[in-house]
Protein backbone atom coordinates (compact mmCIF):
# COMPACT_ATOMS: atom_id res chain seq x y z
CA ILE A 1 11.73 -23.91 1.84
CA GLY A 2 8.31 -24.28 0.29
CA LEU A 3 4.68 -23.92 1.14
CA VAL A 4 3.84 -21.57 4.00
CA VAL A 5 0.28 -22.11 5.19
CA VAL A 6 -1.54 -19.06 6.48
CA GLY A 7 -4.93 -18.78 8.11
CA CYS A 8 -7.66 -19.72 5.69
CA GLY A 9 -10.15 -21.12 8.13
CA GLU A 10 -13.60 -22.62 7.91
CA GLY A 11 -15.18 -20.68 10.76
CA GLY A 12 -16.19 -17.15 11.67
CA ASP A 13 -15.78 -14.50 9.02
CA SER A 14 -12.85 -16.27 7.33
CA PRO A 15 -13.47 -17.51 3.79
CA SER A 16 -13.21 -21.22 3.10
CA SER A 17 -10.03 -22.55 1.54
CA GLU A 18 -11.88 -23.13 -1.75
CA ALA A 19 -12.74 -19.42 -1.91
CA CYS A 20 -9.11 -18.33 -1.69
CA ALA A 21 -6.32 -18.06 -4.24
CA HIS A 22 -3.27 -20.16 -3.30
CA VAL A 23 0.34 -19.99 -4.47
CA VAL A 24 1.25 -23.67 -4.87
CA ASP A 25 4.70 -23.34 -6.44
CA ALA A 26 7.25 -20.65 -7.26
CA GLU A 27 10.62 -20.14 -8.91
CA ILE A 28 13.06 -17.27 -8.76
CA GLU A 29 16.06 -16.55 -10.97
CA ARG A 30 18.61 -13.75 -10.83
CA SER A 31 19.00 -11.73 -14.04
CA ALA A 32 22.25 -10.32 -15.39
CA ASP A 33 21.22 -6.81 -14.28
CA GLY A 34 20.84 -7.91 -10.63
CA THR A 35 17.05 -7.97 -10.59
CA TYR A 36 15.03 -11.17 -10.36
CA ASP A 37 12.50 -13.00 -12.51
CA VAL A 38 9.83 -14.61 -10.34
CA SER A 39 7.22 -17.16 -11.43
CA ALA A 40 4.22 -18.17 -9.33
CA THR A 41 1.83 -21.06 -9.86
CA VAL A 42 -1.60 -20.13 -8.55
CA SER A 43 -4.57 -22.36 -7.84
CA SER A 44 -7.90 -20.59 -7.38
CA GLY A 45 -11.61 -21.15 -7.58
CA ASP A 46 -12.11 -18.76 -10.49
CA THR A 47 -15.76 -18.64 -11.56
CA GLY A 48 -15.46 -15.87 -14.16
CA TRP A 49 -15.26 -12.09 -14.09
CA ASP A 50 -17.26 -12.02 -10.83
CA LYS A 51 -14.57 -13.92 -8.86
CA TYR A 52 -11.00 -14.76 -9.85
CA ALA A 53 -7.36 -14.53 -8.77
CA ASP A 54 -6.52 -10.99 -9.81
CA ALA A 55 -2.93 -10.57 -8.56
CA TRP A 56 0.01 -12.04 -6.71
CA GLU A 57 2.74 -10.35 -4.69
CA VAL A 58 6.39 -10.93 -3.84
CA ARG A 59 7.09 -9.96 -0.20
CA ASP A 60 10.12 -10.02 2.03
CA GLU A 61 9.96 -11.72 5.43
CA ASP A 62 8.80 -8.46 7.06
CA GLY A 63 5.85 -8.22 4.67
CA THR A 64 7.25 -5.43 2.50
CA VAL A 65 5.86 -5.80 -1.03
CA LEU A 66 8.73 -6.04 -3.54
CA GLY A 67 6.65 -6.68 -6.65
CA VAL A 68 3.07 -7.18 -7.84
CA ARG A 69 1.87 -9.20 -10.84
CA GLU A 70 -1.61 -8.08 -11.84
CA LEU A 71 -3.74 -10.81 -13.43
CA LEU A 72 -6.06 -9.25 -15.98
CA HIS A 73 -8.60 -12.01 -16.56
CA PRO A 74 -10.08 -15.16 -14.98
CA HIS A 75 -8.43 -18.55 -15.45
CA VAL A 76 -11.52 -20.73 -15.13
CA ASP A 77 -10.29 -23.42 -17.54
CA GLU A 78 -6.57 -23.15 -16.68
CA GLN A 79 -5.99 -24.39 -13.13
CA PRO A 80 -3.48 -24.14 -11.70
CA PHE A 81 -1.75 -21.52 -13.85
CA THR A 82 1.73 -20.01 -13.85
CA ARG A 83 2.62 -16.40 -14.54
CA SER A 84 5.91 -14.50 -14.28
CA LEU A 85 7.09 -11.10 -13.12
CA SER A 86 10.39 -9.65 -14.31
CA GLU A 87 12.75 -7.04 -12.89
CA VAL A 88 11.84 -7.57 -9.24
CA GLU A 89 14.30 -5.70 -7.04
CA ILE A 90 15.18 -7.73 -3.96
CA PRO A 91 17.48 -5.97 -1.50
CA ASP A 92 20.83 -7.51 -0.55
CA GLY A 93 20.54 -9.61 2.58
CA VAL A 94 17.03 -10.90 1.83
CA ALA A 95 17.46 -14.68 1.93
CA ARG A 96 13.91 -15.68 1.01
CA VAL A 97 10.71 -14.17 -0.30
CA ILE A 98 7.07 -15.08 0.17
CA LEU A 99 4.53 -15.12 -2.65
CA ALA A 100 0.84 -14.56 -1.94
CA ALA A 101 -2.13 -14.52 -4.34
CA ARG A 102 -5.17 -12.26 -4.13
CA ASP A 103 -8.76 -13.21 -4.92
CA SER A 104 -10.89 -10.42 -6.40
CA VAL A 105 -13.61 -11.02 -3.77
CA GLU A 106 -11.84 -12.53 -0.74
CA GLY A 107 -8.53 -10.68 -0.96
CA PHE A 108 -5.36 -12.30 0.39
CA CYS A 109 -6.48 -15.38 2.30
CA GLY A 110 -4.87 -18.43 0.69
CA ASP A 111 -1.70 -20.45 1.15
CA GLU A 112 1.53 -18.57 0.53
CA PHE A 113 4.74 -20.00 -0.90
CA GLU A 114 8.24 -19.27 0.39
CA VAL A 115 11.26 -19.51 -1.88
CA ALA A 116 14.99 -18.95 -1.35
CA VAL A 117 16.65 -16.04 -3.13
CA PRO A 118 19.56 -17.38 -5.22
């Protein structure tokens, strides 16, 4: 389980890969209370407040959003960067989750990362 590439094409109305925010690594750990701590490493073409990775999501295989980590500032000089989200509730029976990052201009268009739920 690892990188899940989604459409981030070079043609039509799709943004280029460089314009997107990509999840390039992820870790998940079960907490004592039964929730999960999730960390995502994001690589993005942040240019400043006008364009930056502004969030990432934890989704189940059906696309249901289980958690959102808002990113409150650009990471121009810190690429890639890793941020965590605690107390994510993942329902029993979900074997893996998918993490996707959002660009403030392009939205969700980059590579996603799939990780097994321990």
